[in-house]
Amino acid sequence: MTATLTAPAAPAAPAAPATRGPRGLVWALMQVHRMAFAFWAVALIGATAGLIWMYAIGDAAREGNVPCTTPARYGYPACASVEAITVDDVYSSGIGLIATVLTYAVLLVAPWAGGALIGRELESGTARLAWTQSVSPTRWLAAKLAVPAVLLTAGTGVTVLLNDWARGDDAPDLVGDWYNADSFVGTGPTAVAYVLAGLALGALAGMLLGRALPAAGAGFAAALVLCGVLETFREHLWPTVTRSGVEPSAELPRSAWALHWTTETGSTTDSVTFHPRSHFWPLQLVETGILLAVAATATLAAFWLLRRRTP
């Protein structure tokens, strides 16, 4: 009898771990929306470079903005050179442009979130395909919101800090009064809260409509209404100060946000209602709280709609 020898079977190679979990979702999200994230990175780099340059020319701009004490000759101020006046214009225009972009970034974030981030995924069926690949709908939406939220918070926060740094001593003739809409939003935490609220409102619009273009339009409209309402009622977010017995010809300091002048009956004096400069931070914090509450409510509503969409 001949014995048959057989080689022992080679041990099976361990199976490669499946790419599951937040890391896989984040990578997929970055790939799908890489153009939007690349645009955001370019815009952030451009704003950073611009603000560093604004800071570099800030001293020259302030030199060209000082009041003249010597009579002008031939139409030119004797206390500042023409070059300094030109730098003044460049500085104030650049600071104003960046503050405006920070203020109304919500009008770009909301339609992108509604149309591209959520609406297009639902309309094309990509979302349901992802839900069949061991990715739960809740994790899918959480990743869709978390990645942009982190990037928007970091980028907007850095830009606000650089904007405050580049503004120097906040000379109102150069950078605008603190209570102007652009100056107010672009110099505090409300800028970050606005973009987070826009992201949440856009996501909610996407979940409600499930189509890219209608969701983008609805997100833009919601963000526009949010900006308009808060700008209109901003003066009522913190108690005002009223000063009575003011002469009609008297003027408040430039840093005061004058709201109402009232002539007292039977008197030649007025009363004035205003916000002093010290109310900047209370107004900022109250408005930021409102925006974060809007963002949280819209996010919870989006998850609730998601649960209704999926069995």
Protein backbone atom coordinates (compact mmCIF):
# COMPACT_ATOMS: atom_id res chain seq x y z
CA MET A 1 0.00 0.00 0.00
CA THR A 2 1.39 3.32 -1.04
CA ALA A 3 0.78 6.28 1.28
CA THR A 4 -0.17 9.50 -0.38
CA LEU A 5 1.41 12.52 1.11
CA THR A 6 -0.39 15.84 0.81
CA ALA A 7 1.10 19.21 1.60
CA PRO A 8 -0.61 21.05 4.35
CA ALA A 9 -2.90 23.80 3.12
CA ALA A 10 -1.48 27.28 3.36
CA PRO A 11 -3.20 29.43 5.93
CA ALA A 12 -5.73 31.80 4.45
CA ALA A 13 -4.64 35.40 4.26
CA PRO A 14 -6.53 37.60 6.66
CA ALA A 15 -9.26 39.58 5.00
CA ALA A 16 -8.55 43.24 4.54
CA PRO A 17 -10.57 45.34 6.94
CA ALA A 18 -13.51 47.06 5.32
CA THR A 19 -13.20 50.79 5.03
CA ARG A 20 -16.08 51.61 7.30
CA GLY A 21 -16.62 54.29 9.85
CA PRO A 22 -16.35 58.05 9.81
CA ARG A 23 -12.99 57.98 8.01
CA GLY A 24 -14.52 56.36 4.92
CA LEU A 25 -17.49 58.71 4.91
CA VAL A 26 -15.28 61.75 5.29
CA TRP A 27 -13.06 60.65 2.42
CA ALA A 28 -16.06 60.01 0.17
CA LEU A 29 -17.53 63.40 1.03
CA MET A 30 -14.25 65.17 0.29
CA GLN A 31 -14.04 63.43 -3.08
CA VAL A 32 -17.58 64.27 -4.13
CA HIS A 33 -17.33 67.95 -3.13
CA ARG A 34 -13.62 68.48 -3.74
CA MET A 35 -14.24 71.42 -6.09
CA ALA A 36 -16.31 73.26 -3.48
CA PHE A 37 -13.74 72.59 -0.77
CA ALA A 38 -10.91 73.65 -3.09
CA PHE A 39 -12.73 76.91 -3.82
CA TRP A 40 -13.19 77.46 -0.07
CA ALA A 41 -9.47 76.86 0.51
CA VAL A 42 -8.47 79.28 -2.25
CA ALA A 43 -10.86 81.92 -0.90
CA LEU A 44 -9.47 81.48 2.62
CA ILE A 45 -5.88 81.77 1.41
CA GLY A 46 -6.75 84.86 -0.63
CA ALA A 47 -8.51 86.50 2.32
CA THR A 48 -5.57 85.70 4.61
CA ALA A 49 -3.05 87.20 2.19
CA GLY A 50 -5.26 90.26 1.67
CA LEU A 51 -5.68 90.90 5.38
CA ILE A 52 -1.96 90.53 6.05
CA TRP A 53 -1.37 93.13 3.35
CA MET A 54 -4.10 95.35 4.85
CA TYR A 55 -2.30 95.20 8.18
CA ALA A 56 1.01 96.09 6.51
CA ILE A 57 -0.41 99.25 4.93
CA GLY A 58 -2.60 100.12 7.91
CA ASP A 59 -0.16 102.57 9.49
CA ALA A 60 0.27 104.46 6.22
CA ALA A 61 -3.51 104.60 5.80
CA ARG A 62 -3.99 106.04 9.27
CA GLU A 63 -1.35 108.68 8.54
CA GLY A 64 -3.33 109.79 5.51
CA ASN A 65 -6.53 109.90 7.54
CA VAL A 66 -5.50 112.31 10.31
CA PRO A 67 -7.30 115.69 10.40
CA CYS A 68 -5.44 118.59 8.85
CA THR A 69 -4.33 121.40 11.14
CA THR A 70 -2.44 123.39 8.54
CA PRO A 71 -4.37 125.24 5.81
CA ALA A 72 -4.37 123.30 2.56
CA ARG A 73 -2.52 124.65 -0.45
CA TYR A 74 -3.51 124.05 -4.10
CA GLY A 75 -6.26 121.73 -3.03
CA TYR A 76 -3.98 119.20 -1.30
CA PRO A 77 -4.01 118.66 2.47
CA ALA A 78 -0.78 119.86 4.01
CA CYS A 79 -0.82 117.16 6.69
CA ALA A 80 -0.82 114.12 4.43
CA SER A 81 0.75 113.17 1.14
CA VAL A 82 -1.18 112.16 -1.94
CA GLU A 83 0.38 108.70 -1.64
CA ALA A 84 -0.99 108.34 1.88
CA ILE A 85 -4.48 109.34 0.72
CA THR A 86 -4.30 106.69 -2.01
CA VAL A 87 -3.27 104.06 0.56
CA ASP A 88 -6.17 105.24 2.70
CA ASP A 89 -8.63 104.46 -0.10
CA VAL A 90 -7.08 101.05 -0.83
CA TYR A 91 -7.06 100.10 2.84
CA SER A 92 -10.66 101.13 3.57
CA SER A 93 -11.93 99.48 0.37
CA GLY A 94 -10.11 96.23 1.10
CA ILE A 95 -11.27 96.06 4.70
CA GLY A 96 -14.84 96.87 3.64
CA LEU A 97 -14.85 94.18 0.94
CA ILE A 98 -13.67 91.44 3.28
CA ALA A 99 -16.18 92.48 5.95
CA THR A 100 -18.99 92.34 3.37
CA VAL A 101 -17.96 88.86 2.24
CA LEU A 102 -17.89 87.66 5.85
CA THR A 103 -21.32 89.15 6.48
CA TYR A 104 -23.06 87.58 3.51
CA ALA A 105 -21.14 84.29 3.24
CA VAL A 106 -24.32 82.69 4.58
CA LEU A 107 -25.99 83.52 1.25
CA LEU A 108 -23.46 81.24 -0.49
CA VAL A 109 -23.29 78.46 2.10
CA ALA A 110 -27.05 77.86 2.39
CA PRO A 111 -27.81 77.21 -1.31
CA TRP A 112 -24.70 75.03 -1.64
CA ALA A 113 -25.75 72.95 1.35
CA GLY A 114 -29.32 72.62 0.10
CA GLY A 115 -28.53 72.02 -3.55
CA ALA A 116 -25.20 70.20 -3.82
CA LEU A 117 -24.62 68.76 -0.35
CA ILE A 118 -28.07 67.25 0.29
CA GLY A 119 -30.58 67.87 -2.52
CA ARG A 120 -28.46 66.47 -5.35
CA GLU A 121 -27.57 63.36 -3.35
CA LEU A 122 -31.24 62.60 -2.73
CA GLU A 123 -32.34 63.46 -6.26
CA SER A 124 -29.71 61.27 -7.96
CA GLY A 125 -30.18 58.32 -5.60
CA THR A 126 -26.57 58.50 -4.37
CA ALA A 127 -27.78 58.80 -0.80
CA ARG A 128 -29.84 55.60 -0.94
CA LEU A 129 -26.92 53.78 -2.54
CA ALA A 130 -24.72 54.85 0.37
CA TRP A 131 -27.35 53.63 2.83
CA THR A 132 -27.08 50.12 1.34
CA GLN A 133 -23.28 50.07 1.81
CA SER A 134 -23.30 49.59 5.58
CA VAL A 135 -23.68 53.33 6.14
CA SER A 136 -26.74 54.24 8.15
CA PRO A 137 -28.78 57.29 7.10
CA THR A 138 -28.01 59.00 10.41
CA ARG A 139 -24.25 58.55 9.99
CA TRP A 140 -24.52 59.71 6.38
CA LEU A 141 -26.22 62.98 7.33
CA ALA A 142 -23.95 63.48 10.35
CA ALA A 143 -20.87 63.25 8.11
CA LYS A 144 -22.48 65.51 5.51
CA LEU A 145 -22.92 68.21 8.13
CA ALA A 146 -19.88 67.66 10.35
CA VAL A 147 -17.16 67.99 7.71
CA PRO A 148 -18.38 71.32 6.25
CA ALA A 149 -19.18 72.61 9.75
CA VAL A 150 -15.59 72.02 10.91
CA LEU A 151 -14.10 73.62 7.80
CA LEU A 152 -16.48 76.59 7.87
CA THR A 153 -15.92 77.19 11.59
CA ALA A 154 -12.15 77.04 11.29
CA GLY A 155 -11.89 79.13 8.13
CA THR A 156 -14.39 81.78 9.14
CA GLY A 157 -12.97 82.03 12.65
CA VAL A 158 -9.43 82.55 11.36
CA THR A 159 -10.63 85.17 8.89
CA VAL A 160 -12.50 87.08 11.62
CA LEU A 161 -9.41 87.10 13.86
CA LEU A 162 -7.25 88.33 10.99
CA ASN A 163 -9.85 90.96 10.14
CA ASP A 164 -9.80 92.28 13.72
CA TRP A 165 -6.00 92.30 13.62
CA ALA A 166 -5.84 94.14 10.30
CA ARG A 167 -8.35 96.79 11.41
CA GLY A 168 -5.86 98.14 13.95
CA ASP A 169 -7.47 100.63 16.31
CA ASP A 170 -10.84 100.54 14.45
CA ALA A 171 -10.64 104.12 13.17
CA PRO A 172 -14.26 104.63 12.00
CA ASP A 173 -13.29 106.86 9.06
CA LEU A 174 -11.27 103.96 7.68
CA VAL A 175 -13.07 100.78 8.72
CA GLY A 176 -16.61 102.02 9.44
CA ASP A 177 -18.54 102.41 12.67
CA TRP A 178 -18.84 99.29 14.81
CA TYR A 179 -22.63 99.16 14.44
CA ASN A 180 -22.66 99.12 10.63
CA ALA A 181 -23.93 95.75 9.41
CA ASP A 182 -20.69 94.67 7.73
CA SER A 183 -18.42 95.88 10.52
CA PHE A 184 -20.59 94.34 13.22
CA VAL A 185 -20.89 90.86 11.72
CA GLY A 186 -17.36 90.68 10.31
CA THR A 187 -15.60 91.38 13.60
CA GLY A 188 -17.17 88.91 16.01
CA PRO A 189 -18.46 85.36 16.53
CA THR A 190 -21.69 86.15 14.67
CA ALA A 191 -19.83 85.56 11.38
CA VAL A 192 -19.17 81.94 12.37
CA ALA A 193 -22.71 81.50 13.67
CA TYR A 194 -24.17 82.86 10.42
CA VAL A 195 -22.40 80.30 8.22
CA LEU A 196 -23.35 77.45 10.56
CA ALA A 197 -26.98 78.58 10.49
CA GLY A 198 -26.79 78.78 6.69
CA LEU A 199 -25.39 75.24 6.52
CA ALA A 200 -28.19 73.89 8.70
CA LEU A 201 -30.94 75.79 6.86
CA GLY A 202 -29.62 74.57 3.52
CA ALA A 203 -29.52 70.97 4.74
CA LEU A 204 -33.08 71.28 6.00
CA ALA A 205 -34.20 72.66 2.63
CA GLY A 206 -32.47 69.75 0.90
CA MET A 207 -34.22 67.21 3.12
CA LEU A 208 -37.59 68.89 2.63
CA LEU A 209 -37.47 69.18 -1.17
CA GLY A 210 -35.08 66.41 -2.18
CA ARG A 211 -34.10 68.13 -5.41
CA ALA A 212 -31.00 70.22 -6.10
CA LEU A 213 -32.29 73.42 -7.71
CA PRO A 214 -35.42 73.93 -5.56
CA ALA A 215 -33.39 73.19 -2.41
CA ALA A 216 -30.70 75.68 -3.43
CA GLY A 217 -33.33 78.38 -4.02
CA ALA A 218 -35.08 77.64 -0.74
CA GLY A 219 -31.78 77.70 1.15
CA PHE A 220 -30.85 81.05 -0.36
CA ALA A 221 -34.26 82.50 0.50
CA ALA A 222 -34.08 81.25 4.09
CA ALA A 223 -30.61 82.72 4.56
CA LEU A 224 -31.69 86.04 3.06
CA VAL A 225 -34.68 86.25 5.40
CA LEU A 226 -32.49 85.36 8.38
CA CYS A 227 -29.99 88.12 7.57
CA GLY A 228 -32.73 90.69 6.98
CA VAL A 229 -34.66 89.92 10.17
CA LEU A 230 -31.62 90.01 12.45
CA GLU A 231 -30.26 93.17 10.87
CA THR A 232 -33.65 94.87 11.30
CA PHE A 233 -34.11 93.88 14.94
CA ARG A 234 -30.46 94.02 16.03
CA GLU A 235 -30.94 97.25 17.96
CA HIS A 236 -33.59 95.53 20.13
CA LEU A 237 -31.41 92.59 21.19
CA TRP A 238 -30.02 94.47 24.21
CA PRO A 239 -31.50 97.23 26.40
CA THR A 240 -30.66 100.71 25.14
CA VAL A 241 -29.46 103.75 27.07
CA THR A 242 -31.57 106.93 27.18
CA ARG A 243 -30.06 110.29 27.99
CA SER A 244 -32.46 113.16 28.77
CA GLY A 245 -31.91 116.90 28.85
CA VAL A 246 -29.59 116.97 25.86
CA GLU A 247 -29.26 120.19 23.92
CA PRO A 248 -30.61 119.86 20.36
CA SER A 249 -27.25 120.90 18.96
CA ALA A 250 -25.31 118.39 21.06
CA GLU A 251 -23.74 115.40 19.37
CA LEU A 252 -23.11 111.96 20.77
CA PRO A 253 -19.62 110.48 20.54
CA ARG A 254 -18.80 108.87 17.20
CA SER A 255 -18.71 105.47 18.92
CA ALA A 256 -22.38 105.71 20.01
CA TRP A 257 -25.12 104.09 17.93
CA ALA A 258 -27.84 106.76 18.06
CA LEU A 259 -31.32 105.32 17.51
CA HIS A 260 -33.95 107.94 18.41
CA TRP A 261 -33.98 111.63 19.19
CA THR A 262 -37.11 112.96 20.94
CA THR A 263 -37.90 116.58 21.76
CA GLU A 264 -39.35 116.82 25.24
CA THR A 265 -42.71 118.57 25.46
CA GLY A 266 -42.49 122.20 26.60
CA SER A 267 -38.71 122.12 26.65
CA THR A 268 -35.87 123.08 24.42
CA THR A 269 -33.92 119.93 25.27
CA ASP A 270 -34.02 116.49 23.70
CA SER A 271 -33.72 112.93 24.86
CA VAL A 272 -31.67 110.45 22.90
CA THR A 273 -31.77 106.65 22.87
CA PHE A 274 -28.57 104.90 21.84
CA HIS A 275 -26.23 101.95 22.21
CA PRO A 276 -22.78 102.88 23.58
CA ARG A 277 -19.66 101.17 22.29
CA SER A 278 -19.69 98.90 25.33
CA HIS A 279 -22.83 97.19 23.98
CA PHE A 280 -20.89 95.61 21.12
CA TRP A 281 -20.20 92.34 22.92
CA PRO A 282 -23.65 91.90 24.52
CA LEU A 283 -25.25 92.40 21.10
CA GLN A 284 -22.73 90.01 19.53
CA LEU A 285 -23.35 87.28 22.06
CA VAL A 286 -27.14 87.54 21.94
CA GLU A 287 -27.20 87.43 18.14
CA THR A 288 -24.74 84.53 18.13
CA GLY A 289 -26.97 82.63 20.54
CA ILE A 290 -30.00 83.19 18.32
CA LEU A 291 -28.11 81.98 15.25
CA LEU A 292 -26.81 78.88 17.01
CA ALA A 293 -30.35 78.11 18.19
CA VAL A 294 -31.56 78.42 14.58
CA ALA A 295 -28.75 76.11 13.45
CA ALA A 296 -29.53 73.53 16.14
CA THR A 297 -33.28 73.60 15.41
CA ALA A 298 -32.75 73.24 11.66
CA THR A 299 -30.29 70.37 12.20
CA LEU A 300 -32.68 68.48 14.47
CA ALA A 301 -35.49 69.04 11.97
CA ALA A 302 -33.29 67.65 9.17
CA PHE A 303 -32.56 64.46 11.16
CA TRP A 304 -36.26 64.10 11.96
CA LEU A 305 -37.14 64.35 8.26
CA LEU A 306 -34.43 61.82 7.47
CA ARG A 307 -35.97 59.29 9.85
CA ARG A 308 -39.33 59.79 8.13
CA ARG A 309 -37.74 59.25 4.70
CA THR A 310 -36.11 55.95 5.66
CA PRO A 311 -37.88 52.84 6.94
